[in-house]
C-alpha atoms as a PDB file:
ATOM      1  CA  UNK A   1      61.406  71.880  77.638  1.00  0.00           C
ATOM      2  CA  UNK A   2      60.064  75.365  77.173  1.00  0.00           C
ATOM      3  CA  UNK A   3      61.533  77.683  74.555  1.00  0.00           C
ATOM      4  CA  UNK A   4      62.959  80.052  77.172  1.00  0.00           C
ATOM      5  CA  UNK A   5      64.726  77.205  78.951  1.00  0.00           C
ATOM      6  CA  UNK A   6      66.104  75.974  75.633  1.00  0.00           C
ATOM      7  CA  UNK A   7      67.385  79.451  74.749  1.00  0.00           C
ATOM      8  CA  UNK A   8      69.127  79.806  78.129  1.00  0.00           C
ATOM      9  CA  UNK A   9      70.777  76.409  77.704  1.00  0.00           C
ATOM     10  CA  UNK A  10      72.017  77.302  74.225  1.00  0.00           C
ATOM     11  CA  UNK A  11      73.384  80.627  75.511  1.00  0.00           C
ATOM     12  CA  UNK A  12      75.219  78.860  78.346  1.00  0.00           C
ATOM     13  CA  UNK A  13      76.580  76.179  76.030  1.00  0.00           C
ATOM     14  CA  UNK A  14      77.720  78.770  73.515  1.00  0.00           C
ATOM     15  CA  UNK A  15      79.696  80.557  76.241  1.00  0.00           C
ATOM     16  CA  UNK A  16      81.371  77.318  77.286  1.00  0.00           C
ATOM     17  CA  UNK A  17      82.240  76.470  73.686  1.00  0.00           C
ATOM     18  CA  UNK A  18      83.596  79.962  73.096  1.00  0.00           C
ATOM     19  CA  UNK A  19      85.944  79.633  76.080  1.00  0.00           C
ATOM     20  CA  UNK A  20      86.989  76.121  75.038  1.00  0.00           C
ATOM     21  CA  UNK A  21      87.790  77.409  71.558  1.00  0.00           C
ATOM     22  CA  UNK A  22      90.339  79.814  72.992  1.00  0.00           C
ATOM     23  CA  UNK A  23      91.918  77.335  75.441  1.00  0.00           C
ATOM     24  CA  UNK A  24      95.041  75.657  74.008  1.00  0.00           C
ATOM     25  CA  UNK A  25      94.612  72.661  76.359  1.00  0.00           C
ATOM     26  CA  UNK A  26      91.420  71.548  74.604  1.00  0.00           C
ATOM     27  CA  UNK A  27      92.192  69.013  71.849  1.00  0.00           C
ATOM     28  CA  UNK A  28      91.287  70.000  68.293  1.00  0.00           C
ATOM     29  CA  UNK A  29      89.020  66.950  67.897  1.00  0.00           C
ATOM     30  CA  UNK A  30      86.948  68.026  70.911  1.00  0.00           C
ATOM     31  CA  UNK A  31      86.557  71.493  69.406  1.00  0.00           C
ATOM     32  CA  UNK A  32      85.336  70.036  66.113  1.00  0.00           C
ATOM     33  CA  UNK A  33      82.792  67.804  67.843  1.00  0.00           C
ATOM     34  CA  UNK A  34      81.548  70.706  69.968  1.00  0.00           C
ATOM     35  CA  UNK A  35      81.055  72.945  66.935  1.00  0.00           C
ATOM     36  CA  UNK A  36      79.244  70.156  65.092  1.00  0.00           C
ATOM     37  CA  UNK A  37      76.936  69.594  68.075  1.00  0.00           C
ATOM     38  CA  UNK A  38      76.156  73.311  68.301  1.00  0.00           C
ATOM     39  CA  UNK A  39      75.471  73.478  64.571  1.00  0.00           C
ATOM     40  CA  UNK A  40      73.108  70.515  64.880  1.00  0.00           C
ATOM     41  CA  UNK A  41      71.308  72.118  67.832  1.00  0.00           C
ATOM     42  CA  UNK A  42      70.763  75.337  65.909  1.00  0.00           C
ATOM     43  CA  UNK A  43      69.864  73.605  62.649  1.00  0.00           C
ATOM     44  CA  UNK A  44      66.298  74.164  61.440  1.00  0.00           C
ATOM     45  CA  UNK A  45      66.250  70.512  60.299  1.00  0.00           C
ATOM     46  CA  UNK A  46      66.461  69.202  63.885  1.00  0.00           C
END
């Protein structure tokens, strides 16, 4: 995967997570897992 493709995917995923964060129908556990996955994806250790 090229860097540009990766950046577009992260931008898209961030938008989805941002909308899910605001939606009261999304369970709290799903929000926590999504934030952890995003943090892992952006981590310099990965």
